[in-house]
N, C-alpha and C. Protein backbone atom coordinates (compact mmCIF):
# COMPACT_ATOMS: atom_id res chain seq x y z
N UNK A 1 141.30 78.86 52.41
CA UNK A 1 140.51 77.66 52.14
C UNK A 1 139.12 78.09 51.69
N UNK A 2 138.58 77.36 50.71
CA UNK A 2 137.26 77.66 50.18
C UNK A 2 136.38 76.44 50.35
N UNK A 3 135.22 76.61 50.96
CA UNK A 3 134.29 75.51 51.21
C UNK A 3 133.01 75.78 50.46
N UNK A 4 132.80 75.03 49.38
CA UNK A 4 131.59 75.20 48.58
C UNK A 4 130.51 74.27 49.08
N UNK A 5 129.27 74.72 48.96
CA UNK A 5 128.13 73.90 49.36
C UNK A 5 126.90 74.35 48.57
N UNK A 6 125.84 73.57 48.70
CA UNK A 6 124.57 73.95 48.10
C UNK A 6 124.20 73.18 46.86
N UNK A 7 125.10 72.34 46.36
CA UNK A 7 124.77 71.53 45.20
C UNK A 7 123.70 70.51 45.53
N UNK A 8 123.11 69.96 44.48
CA UNK A 8 122.08 68.96 44.69
C UNK A 8 121.31 68.73 43.41
N UNK A 9 120.16 68.10 43.57
CA UNK A 9 119.31 67.78 42.43
C UNK A 9 118.11 68.70 42.38
N UNK A 10 117.76 69.10 41.18
CA UNK A 10 116.62 69.99 40.99
C UNK A 10 116.01 69.68 39.63
N UNK A 11 114.73 69.96 39.51
CA UNK A 11 114.06 69.74 38.23
C UNK A 11 114.32 70.89 37.27
N UNK A 12 114.22 70.65 35.99
CA UNK A 12 114.38 71.74 35.02
C UNK A 12 113.43 72.89 35.34
N UNK A 13 113.97 74.10 35.23
CA UNK A 13 113.19 75.28 35.58
C UNK A 13 113.30 75.68 37.03
N UNK A 14 113.92 74.83 37.82
CA UNK A 14 114.04 75.09 39.25
C UNK A 14 115.20 76.01 39.58
N UNK A 15 115.38 76.20 40.88
CA UNK A 15 116.42 77.11 41.38
C UNK A 15 117.27 76.44 42.44
N UNK A 16 118.47 76.96 42.57
CA UNK A 16 119.40 76.44 43.56
C UNK A 16 120.40 77.55 43.87
N UNK A 17 120.86 77.62 45.09
CA UNK A 17 121.87 78.61 45.45
C UNK A 17 123.11 77.91 46.00
N UNK A 18 124.23 78.21 45.39
CA UNK A 18 125.51 77.69 45.87
C UNK A 18 126.17 78.72 46.79
N UNK A 19 126.89 78.23 47.76
CA UNK A 19 127.63 79.09 48.68
C UNK A 19 129.09 78.67 48.70
N UNK A 20 129.95 79.63 48.91
CA UNK A 20 131.38 79.35 49.03
C UNK A 20 131.91 80.19 50.18
N UNK A 21 132.26 79.52 51.25
CA UNK A 21 132.77 80.19 52.44
C UNK A 21 134.29 80.18 52.41
N UNK A 22 134.88 81.36 52.59
CA UNK A 22 136.33 81.49 52.57
C UNK A 22 136.88 81.73 53.96
N UNK A 23 138.04 81.20 54.21
CA UNK A 23 138.71 81.47 55.48
C UNK A 23 139.64 82.66 55.29
N UNK A 24 140.05 83.25 56.38
CA UNK A 24 140.97 84.37 56.29
C UNK A 24 140.29 85.68 56.58
N UNK A 25 141.10 86.71 56.75
CA UNK A 25 140.58 88.00 57.20
C UNK A 25 140.51 89.06 56.10
N UNK A 26 140.91 88.73 54.91
CA UNK A 26 140.96 89.75 53.86
C UNK A 26 139.98 89.46 52.74
N UNK A 27 138.88 88.80 53.08
CA UNK A 27 137.93 88.38 52.05
C UNK A 27 137.37 89.57 51.29
N UNK A 28 137.12 90.68 51.99
CA UNK A 28 136.47 91.80 51.32
C UNK A 28 137.33 92.39 50.19
N UNK A 29 138.61 92.09 50.18
CA UNK A 29 139.49 92.59 49.13
C UNK A 29 139.64 91.61 47.96
N UNK A 30 139.04 90.46 48.12
CA UNK A 30 139.25 89.40 47.13
C UNK A 30 138.30 89.52 45.94
N UNK A 31 138.79 89.13 44.79
CA UNK A 31 137.97 88.94 43.60
C UNK A 31 137.66 87.44 43.54
N UNK A 32 136.39 87.13 43.40
CA UNK A 32 135.96 85.74 43.48
C UNK A 32 135.19 85.34 42.23
N UNK A 33 135.15 84.06 41.96
CA UNK A 33 134.45 83.59 40.77
C UNK A 33 133.88 82.20 41.00
N UNK A 34 132.92 81.87 40.19
CA UNK A 34 132.41 80.51 40.07
C UNK A 34 132.74 80.00 38.67
N UNK A 35 133.25 78.79 38.62
CA UNK A 35 133.51 78.10 37.37
C UNK A 35 132.70 76.81 37.38
N UNK A 36 132.62 76.19 36.23
CA UNK A 36 131.99 74.88 36.18
C UNK A 36 132.72 74.02 35.15
N UNK A 37 132.58 72.73 35.35
CA UNK A 37 133.27 71.80 34.48
C UNK A 37 132.44 70.56 34.27
N UNK A 38 132.20 70.26 33.01
CA UNK A 38 131.51 69.03 32.65
C UNK A 38 132.56 67.96 32.36
N UNK A 39 132.20 66.70 32.50
CA UNK A 39 133.15 65.62 32.23
C UNK A 39 133.74 65.73 30.83
N UNK A 40 135.06 65.66 30.73
CA UNK A 40 135.72 65.70 29.44
C UNK A 40 135.84 67.06 28.81
N UNK A 41 135.40 68.09 29.54
CA UNK A 41 135.46 69.45 29.00
C UNK A 41 136.33 70.33 29.89
N UNK A 42 136.71 71.48 29.33
CA UNK A 42 137.52 72.42 30.10
C UNK A 42 136.64 73.13 31.13
N UNK A 43 137.28 73.55 32.20
CA UNK A 43 136.58 74.34 33.20
C UNK A 43 136.27 75.71 32.59
N UNK A 44 135.05 76.19 32.78
CA UNK A 44 134.65 77.46 32.18
C UNK A 44 134.10 78.41 33.22
N UNK A 45 134.36 79.69 32.98
CA UNK A 45 133.89 80.72 33.90
C UNK A 45 132.38 80.85 33.82
N UNK A 46 131.75 80.90 34.98
CA UNK A 46 130.31 81.12 35.06
C UNK A 46 130.03 82.58 35.41
N UNK A 47 130.66 83.06 36.46
CA UNK A 47 130.44 84.43 36.92
C UNK A 47 131.57 84.84 37.84
N UNK A 48 131.79 86.14 37.93
CA UNK A 48 132.80 86.66 38.84
C UNK A 48 132.28 87.92 39.52
N UNK A 49 132.86 88.21 40.67
CA UNK A 49 132.53 89.42 41.40
C UNK A 49 133.79 89.94 42.05
N UNK A 50 134.04 91.24 41.90
CA UNK A 50 135.27 91.75 42.48
C UNK A 50 134.99 92.47 43.80
N UNK A 51 136.02 93.09 44.34
CA UNK A 51 135.91 93.69 45.67
C UNK A 51 135.01 94.91 45.70
N UNK A 52 134.75 95.49 44.52
CA UNK A 52 133.84 96.65 44.48
C UNK A 52 132.50 96.26 43.89
N UNK A 53 132.22 94.98 43.89
CA UNK A 53 130.93 94.40 43.52
C UNK A 53 130.61 94.46 42.04
N UNK A 54 131.62 94.67 41.20
CA UNK A 54 131.40 94.55 39.78
C UNK A 54 131.31 93.07 39.42
N UNK A 55 130.37 92.75 38.55
CA UNK A 55 130.14 91.35 38.21
C UNK A 55 130.27 91.12 36.71
N UNK A 56 130.63 89.91 36.37
CA UNK A 56 130.63 89.47 34.98
C UNK A 56 129.95 88.12 34.92
N UNK A 57 129.36 87.83 33.77
CA UNK A 57 128.65 86.57 33.59
C UNK A 57 128.96 85.98 32.22
N UNK A 58 129.00 84.66 32.19
CA UNK A 58 129.08 83.98 30.90
C UNK A 58 127.74 84.16 30.20
N UNK A 59 127.79 84.20 28.89
CA UNK A 59 126.57 84.41 28.13
C UNK A 59 125.52 83.34 28.43
N UNK A 60 125.98 82.13 28.70
CA UNK A 60 125.02 81.04 28.86
C UNK A 60 124.28 81.08 30.20
N UNK A 61 124.64 82.01 31.08
CA UNK A 61 123.91 82.12 32.34
C UNK A 61 123.30 83.50 32.55
N UNK A 62 123.56 84.42 31.64
CA UNK A 62 123.03 85.78 31.81
C UNK A 62 121.51 85.76 31.92
N UNK A 63 121.03 86.47 32.92
CA UNK A 63 119.59 86.53 33.14
C UNK A 63 119.06 85.38 33.97
N UNK A 64 119.88 84.37 34.21
CA UNK A 64 119.44 83.21 35.00
C UNK A 64 120.18 83.08 36.32
N UNK A 65 121.46 83.42 36.31
CA UNK A 65 122.30 83.26 37.51
C UNK A 65 122.70 84.64 38.04
N UNK A 66 122.86 84.71 39.35
CA UNK A 66 123.31 85.94 40.00
C UNK A 66 124.41 85.61 41.00
N UNK A 67 125.53 86.29 40.86
CA UNK A 67 126.62 86.13 41.83
C UNK A 67 126.55 87.29 42.82
N UNK A 68 126.81 86.98 44.07
CA UNK A 68 126.79 88.01 45.10
C UNK A 68 127.75 87.61 46.21
N UNK A 69 127.97 88.51 47.14
CA UNK A 69 128.88 88.21 48.23
C UNK A 69 128.40 88.86 49.51
N UNK A 70 128.76 88.24 50.61
CA UNK A 70 128.50 88.79 51.94
C UNK A 70 129.84 88.83 52.65
N UNK A 71 130.45 89.99 52.68
CA UNK A 71 131.79 90.09 53.26
C UNK A 71 131.79 89.83 54.77
N UNK A 72 130.67 90.09 55.42
CA UNK A 72 130.60 89.82 56.86
C UNK A 72 130.66 88.32 57.15
N UNK A 73 130.23 87.53 56.16
CA UNK A 73 130.25 86.07 56.32
C UNK A 73 131.36 85.41 55.51
N UNK A 74 132.20 86.23 54.87
CA UNK A 74 133.27 85.68 54.03
C UNK A 74 132.73 84.67 53.02
N UNK A 75 131.61 85.01 52.41
CA UNK A 75 130.93 84.05 51.55
C UNK A 75 130.53 84.68 50.22
N UNK A 76 130.71 83.91 49.17
CA UNK A 76 130.21 84.30 47.85
C UNK A 76 129.13 83.30 47.46
N UNK A 77 128.10 83.81 46.79
CA UNK A 77 126.94 83.00 46.43
C UNK A 77 126.76 82.96 44.92
N UNK A 78 126.12 81.91 44.47
CA UNK A 78 125.68 81.83 43.09
C UNK A 78 124.22 81.38 43.11
N UNK A 79 123.34 82.33 42.86
CA UNK A 79 121.91 82.01 42.78
C UNK A 79 121.61 81.60 41.35
N UNK A 80 121.09 80.40 41.22
CA UNK A 80 120.82 79.84 39.90
C UNK A 80 119.32 79.62 39.75
N UNK A 81 118.78 80.11 38.66
CA UNK A 81 117.36 79.92 38.41
C UNK A 81 117.16 79.48 36.95
N UNK A 82 115.95 79.08 36.66
CA UNK A 82 115.60 78.56 35.32
C UNK A 82 116.66 77.55 34.89
N UNK A 83 116.95 76.63 35.78
CA UNK A 83 118.01 75.66 35.52
C UNK A 83 117.62 74.72 34.39
N UNK A 84 118.62 74.36 33.61
CA UNK A 84 118.44 73.49 32.46
C UNK A 84 119.26 72.22 32.65
N UNK A 85 118.91 71.16 31.95
CA UNK A 85 119.73 69.94 32.05
C UNK A 85 121.20 70.19 31.71
N UNK A 86 121.46 71.14 30.80
CA UNK A 86 122.85 71.46 30.45
C UNK A 86 123.63 72.08 31.60
N UNK A 87 122.93 72.53 32.63
CA UNK A 87 123.61 73.09 33.80
C UNK A 87 124.09 71.99 34.75
N UNK A 88 123.86 70.75 34.39
CA UNK A 88 124.28 69.62 35.21
C UNK A 88 125.79 69.43 35.06
N UNK A 89 126.51 69.99 35.99
CA UNK A 89 127.97 69.93 36.01
C UNK A 89 128.44 70.16 37.44
N UNK A 90 129.75 70.04 37.63
CA UNK A 90 130.35 70.38 38.91
C UNK A 90 130.74 71.86 38.91
N UNK A 91 130.36 72.56 39.95
CA UNK A 91 130.65 73.99 40.09
C UNK A 91 131.77 74.18 41.11
N UNK A 92 132.69 75.08 40.76
CA UNK A 92 133.85 75.34 41.60
C UNK A 92 133.93 76.81 41.97
N UNK A 93 134.27 77.06 43.20
CA UNK A 93 134.55 78.41 43.67
C UNK A 93 136.04 78.69 43.44
N UNK A 94 136.37 79.94 43.09
CA UNK A 94 137.75 80.28 42.75
C UNK A 94 138.13 81.63 43.33
N UNK A 95 139.25 81.64 44.04
CA UNK A 95 139.82 82.88 44.57
C UNK A 95 140.77 83.42 43.49
N UNK A 96 140.36 84.45 42.79
CA UNK A 96 141.12 84.98 41.67
C UNK A 96 142.48 85.52 42.11
N UNK A 97 142.51 86.21 43.22
CA UNK A 97 143.76 86.83 43.68
C UNK A 97 144.81 85.78 44.07
N UNK A 98 144.34 84.73 44.74
CA UNK A 98 145.25 83.69 45.22
C UNK A 98 145.40 82.54 44.24
N UNK A 99 144.62 82.59 43.15
CA UNK A 99 144.63 81.49 42.17
C UNK A 99 144.38 80.15 42.88
N UNK A 100 143.35 80.15 43.68
CA UNK A 100 143.07 78.99 44.54
C UNK A 100 141.66 78.49 44.29
N UNK A 101 141.56 77.16 44.13
CA UNK A 101 140.27 76.54 43.85
C UNK A 101 139.69 75.91 45.10
N UNK A 102 138.40 76.03 45.26
CA UNK A 102 137.70 75.26 46.27
C UNK A 102 137.33 73.91 45.68
N UNK A 103 136.78 73.06 46.53
CA UNK A 103 136.33 71.77 46.01
C UNK A 103 135.02 71.98 45.26
N UNK A 104 134.71 71.10 44.37
CA UNK A 104 133.51 71.26 43.56
C UNK A 104 132.26 70.82 44.28
N UNK A 105 131.15 71.31 43.76
CA UNK A 105 129.85 70.87 44.24
C UNK A 105 128.99 70.55 43.03
N UNK A 106 128.38 69.38 43.05
CA UNK A 106 127.66 68.89 41.88
C UNK A 106 126.22 69.39 41.86
N UNK A 107 125.82 69.90 40.72
CA UNK A 107 124.43 70.28 40.47
C UNK A 107 123.88 69.37 39.40
N UNK A 108 122.75 68.77 39.69
CA UNK A 108 122.09 67.87 38.74
C UNK A 108 120.71 68.41 38.43
N UNK A 109 120.45 68.66 37.16
CA UNK A 109 119.16 69.16 36.73
C UNK A 109 118.50 68.08 35.88
N UNK A 110 117.46 67.50 36.44
CA UNK A 110 116.84 66.37 35.77
C UNK A 110 115.40 66.22 36.23
N UNK A 111 114.56 65.76 35.32
CA UNK A 111 113.18 65.49 35.69
C UNK A 111 113.02 64.03 36.11
């Protein structure tokens, strides 16, 4: 089970950190990702982190977002900065190994 949290409203240029807490005992072996989906559009990869801490980022978030994990807390994070109105979408946590989605969390960037 994946429990995402941390969404909310922020002004353009602001920051927000999303968290995704996973249940189970094998979290440290999991490859995890954050996706996002705007209304009427396909879900798109934002960032991923594997079990050896290698990360990938979509071009549209490079330099602004950072994915990280805390295996002791079974949690993956998405630190978002320099947020833009275009970042206003629902963000989803994804367990790559289990092909399992968490529930979404809405981020709204607006002045």
